[in-house]
N, C-alpha and C. Protein backbone atom coordinates (compact mmCIF):
# COMPACT_ATOMS: atom_id res chain seq x y z
N UNK A 1 117.26 111.92 109.98
CA UNK A 1 117.03 110.61 110.56
C UNK A 1 117.64 110.54 111.94
N UNK A 2 117.03 109.76 112.77
CA UNK A 2 117.51 109.60 114.14
C UNK A 2 118.73 108.67 114.19
N UNK A 3 119.53 108.88 115.20
CA UNK A 3 120.69 108.03 115.44
C UNK A 3 120.52 107.42 116.82
N UNK A 4 120.74 106.11 116.92
CA UNK A 4 120.60 105.41 118.20
C UNK A 4 121.92 104.74 118.53
N UNK A 5 122.35 104.87 119.78
CA UNK A 5 123.56 104.21 120.24
C UNK A 5 123.14 103.15 121.25
N UNK A 6 123.65 101.95 121.06
CA UNK A 6 123.36 100.86 122.00
C UNK A 6 124.63 100.60 122.81
N UNK A 7 124.53 100.77 124.11
CA UNK A 7 125.68 100.56 124.98
C UNK A 7 125.58 99.20 125.66
N UNK A 8 126.71 98.70 126.07
CA UNK A 8 126.81 97.46 126.85
C UNK A 8 126.21 96.25 126.13
N UNK A 9 126.39 96.20 124.83
CA UNK A 9 125.95 95.05 124.04
C UNK A 9 126.95 93.92 124.27
N UNK A 10 126.49 92.78 124.71
CA UNK A 10 127.42 91.67 124.95
C UNK A 10 128.16 91.28 123.66
N UNK A 11 129.41 90.86 123.81
CA UNK A 11 130.22 90.47 122.66
C UNK A 11 129.56 89.34 121.87
N UNK A 12 128.97 88.40 122.56
CA UNK A 12 128.32 87.27 121.88
C UNK A 12 127.17 87.76 121.00
N UNK A 13 126.43 88.73 121.49
CA UNK A 13 125.32 89.29 120.71
C UNK A 13 125.85 90.03 119.49
N UNK A 14 126.90 90.77 119.66
CA UNK A 14 127.50 91.49 118.54
C UNK A 14 128.02 90.52 117.48
N UNK A 15 128.67 89.44 117.92
CA UNK A 15 129.15 88.42 116.97
C UNK A 15 127.98 87.79 116.23
N UNK A 16 126.90 87.50 116.95
CA UNK A 16 125.72 86.89 116.32
C UNK A 16 125.11 87.85 115.29
N UNK A 17 125.08 89.12 115.60
CA UNK A 17 124.57 90.12 114.65
C UNK A 17 125.44 90.19 113.40
N UNK A 18 126.76 90.15 113.59
CA UNK A 18 127.67 90.20 112.45
C UNK A 18 127.49 88.97 111.56
N UNK A 19 127.34 87.80 112.17
CA UNK A 19 127.13 86.57 111.40
C UNK A 19 125.81 86.61 110.64
N UNK A 20 124.78 87.07 111.32
CA UNK A 20 123.46 87.17 110.68
C UNK A 20 123.51 88.15 109.51
N UNK A 21 124.19 89.26 109.71
CA UNK A 21 124.31 90.26 108.65
C UNK A 21 125.06 89.68 107.45
N UNK A 22 126.12 88.94 107.70
CA UNK A 22 126.88 88.32 106.62
C UNK A 22 126.01 87.32 105.85
N UNK A 23 125.20 86.55 106.56
CA UNK A 23 124.30 85.60 105.88
C UNK A 23 123.31 86.31 104.98
N UNK A 24 122.90 87.51 105.37
CA UNK A 24 121.94 88.28 104.57
C UNK A 24 122.62 89.23 103.59
N UNK A 25 123.94 89.23 103.58
CA UNK A 25 124.68 90.05 102.63
C UNK A 25 124.59 91.54 102.88
N UNK A 26 124.56 91.93 104.12
CA UNK A 26 124.52 93.36 104.44
C UNK A 26 125.39 93.67 105.64
N UNK A 27 125.57 94.94 105.89
CA UNK A 27 126.39 95.35 107.03
C UNK A 27 125.66 95.07 108.34
N UNK A 28 126.44 95.08 109.42
CA UNK A 28 125.83 94.87 110.74
C UNK A 28 124.81 95.96 111.03
N UNK A 29 125.14 97.18 110.68
CA UNK A 29 124.22 98.30 110.90
C UNK A 29 122.92 98.11 110.11
N UNK A 30 123.04 97.69 108.86
CA UNK A 30 121.85 97.45 108.04
C UNK A 30 121.02 96.30 108.61
N UNK A 31 121.69 95.29 109.14
CA UNK A 31 120.98 94.16 109.74
C UNK A 31 120.20 94.60 110.97
N UNK A 32 120.81 95.43 111.79
CA UNK A 32 120.12 95.95 112.98
C UNK A 32 118.90 96.77 112.57
N UNK A 33 119.05 97.60 111.53
CA UNK A 33 117.90 98.37 111.03
C UNK A 33 116.79 97.45 110.57
N UNK A 34 117.15 96.39 109.85
CA UNK A 34 116.14 95.45 109.35
C UNK A 34 115.41 94.75 110.49
N UNK A 35 116.15 94.37 111.51
CA UNK A 35 115.54 93.71 112.68
C UNK A 35 114.57 94.66 113.37
N UNK A 36 115.01 95.89 113.59
CA UNK A 36 114.15 96.87 114.26
C UNK A 36 112.90 97.17 113.43
N UNK A 37 113.07 97.35 112.12
CA UNK A 37 111.92 97.61 111.25
C UNK A 37 110.91 96.47 111.33
N UNK A 38 111.40 95.24 111.26
CA UNK A 38 110.52 94.07 111.26
C UNK A 38 109.77 93.94 112.59
N UNK A 39 110.40 94.33 113.68
CA UNK A 39 109.78 94.15 114.99
C UNK A 39 108.90 95.31 115.43
N UNK A 40 109.21 96.50 114.95
CA UNK A 40 108.51 97.68 115.46
C UNK A 40 107.39 98.14 114.54
N UNK A 41 107.58 98.04 113.24
CA UNK A 41 106.56 98.48 112.31
C UNK A 41 105.34 97.58 112.33
N UNK A 42 104.15 98.14 112.13
CA UNK A 42 102.96 97.29 112.08
C UNK A 42 103.02 96.35 110.87
N UNK A 43 102.47 95.15 111.06
CA UNK A 43 102.50 94.15 109.98
C UNK A 43 101.60 94.57 108.82
N UNK A 44 100.47 95.14 109.16
CA UNK A 44 99.56 95.63 108.11
C UNK A 44 99.32 97.10 108.34
N UNK A 45 99.39 97.85 107.28
CA UNK A 45 99.20 99.29 107.37
C UNK A 45 97.84 99.64 106.81
N UNK A 46 97.05 100.39 107.56
CA UNK A 46 95.74 100.80 107.08
C UNK A 46 95.93 102.00 106.17
N UNK A 47 95.42 101.88 104.97
CA UNK A 47 95.48 102.98 104.02
C UNK A 47 94.09 103.60 103.94
N UNK A 48 94.01 104.90 103.99
CA UNK A 48 92.74 105.60 104.09
C UNK A 48 91.82 105.29 102.91
N UNK A 49 92.36 105.23 101.70
CA UNK A 49 91.52 104.94 100.54
C UNK A 49 90.91 103.56 100.61
N UNK A 50 91.70 102.58 101.01
CA UNK A 50 91.21 101.21 101.14
C UNK A 50 90.15 101.12 102.23
N UNK A 51 90.39 101.82 103.33
CA UNK A 51 89.44 101.79 104.44
C UNK A 51 88.12 102.45 104.06
N UNK A 52 88.18 103.56 103.34
CA UNK A 52 86.94 104.22 102.89
C UNK A 52 86.17 103.35 101.90
N UNK A 53 86.89 102.68 101.01
CA UNK A 53 86.24 101.78 100.06
C UNK A 53 85.56 100.63 100.79
N UNK A 54 86.24 100.05 101.77
CA UNK A 54 85.66 98.95 102.54
C UNK A 54 84.42 99.43 103.31
N UNK A 55 84.49 100.63 103.85
CA UNK A 55 83.35 101.19 104.58
C UNK A 55 82.14 101.33 103.65
N UNK A 56 82.38 101.85 102.45
CA UNK A 56 81.30 102.02 101.49
C UNK A 56 80.68 100.68 101.11
N UNK A 57 81.51 99.66 100.93
CA UNK A 57 80.99 98.33 100.58
C UNK A 57 80.16 97.75 101.72
N UNK A 58 80.61 97.94 102.96
CA UNK A 58 79.84 97.43 104.11
C UNK A 58 78.47 98.09 104.21
N UNK A 59 78.38 99.33 103.76
CA UNK A 59 77.12 100.08 103.87
C UNK A 59 76.43 100.22 102.52
N UNK A 60 76.74 99.30 101.63
CA UNK A 60 76.11 99.24 100.30
C UNK A 60 76.30 100.52 99.51
N UNK A 61 77.44 101.14 99.66
CA UNK A 61 77.77 102.33 98.89
C UNK A 61 77.03 103.56 99.38
N UNK A 62 77.36 104.65 98.81
CA UNK A 62 76.67 105.90 99.11
C UNK A 62 76.83 106.83 97.93
N UNK A 63 75.87 107.72 97.80
CA UNK A 63 75.87 108.65 96.68
C UNK A 63 76.14 110.05 97.20
N UNK A 64 77.25 110.60 96.78
CA UNK A 64 77.58 111.96 97.20
C UNK A 64 77.18 112.92 96.09
N UNK A 65 76.25 113.77 96.40
CA UNK A 65 75.83 114.78 95.43
C UNK A 65 76.63 116.05 95.70
N UNK A 66 77.80 116.10 95.14
CA UNK A 66 78.68 117.24 95.37
C UNK A 66 78.55 118.20 94.19
N UNK A 67 78.15 119.42 94.50
CA UNK A 67 78.02 120.44 93.48
C UNK A 67 79.05 121.52 93.79
N UNK A 68 79.90 121.77 92.82
CA UNK A 68 80.96 122.75 93.03
C UNK A 68 80.40 124.16 92.92
N UNK A 69 80.79 124.99 93.86
CA UNK A 69 80.38 126.39 93.84
C UNK A 69 81.15 127.10 92.73
N UNK A 70 80.45 127.62 91.76
CA UNK A 70 81.08 128.26 90.60
C UNK A 70 81.22 129.77 90.79
N UNK A 71 80.84 130.30 91.95
CA UNK A 71 80.93 131.72 92.21
C UNK A 71 82.38 132.17 92.17
N UNK A 72 82.63 133.29 91.50
CA UNK A 72 83.99 133.81 91.41
C UNK A 72 84.46 134.27 92.78
N UNK A 73 85.71 134.07 93.04
CA UNK A 73 86.26 134.49 94.32
C UNK A 73 86.61 135.96 94.27
N UNK A 74 86.62 136.58 95.45
CA UNK A 74 86.96 137.99 95.52
C UNK A 74 88.40 138.11 95.97
N UNK A 75 89.07 139.09 95.45
CA UNK A 75 90.45 139.34 95.81
C UNK A 75 90.56 139.79 97.27
N UNK A 76 91.62 139.40 97.92
CA UNK A 76 91.85 139.81 99.29
C UNK A 76 92.29 141.27 99.32
N UNK A 77 91.87 141.95 100.38
CA UNK A 77 92.27 143.34 100.53
C UNK A 77 93.18 143.47 101.75
N UNK A 78 94.33 144.07 101.54
CA UNK A 78 95.28 144.29 102.63
C UNK A 78 95.40 145.78 102.87
N UNK A 79 95.18 146.19 104.09
CA UNK A 79 95.26 147.62 104.41
C UNK A 79 96.47 147.93 105.22
């Protein structure tokens, strides 16, 4: 995991962070992580399965005729 150092943080800001952390019942460091996560992470995450399902519904589904190749594989030869 990455480590970030914040320099020149005003004392008033540090006190406010400590108070906020205490209100939420966590350490100042945990509070800062929570703030950063909430602000930087996307609010909604696109999941590939959900997106593919939505795509299929928009296009009235599709039929995949997938036939598995049953041919036996050949062993690799190393010389």
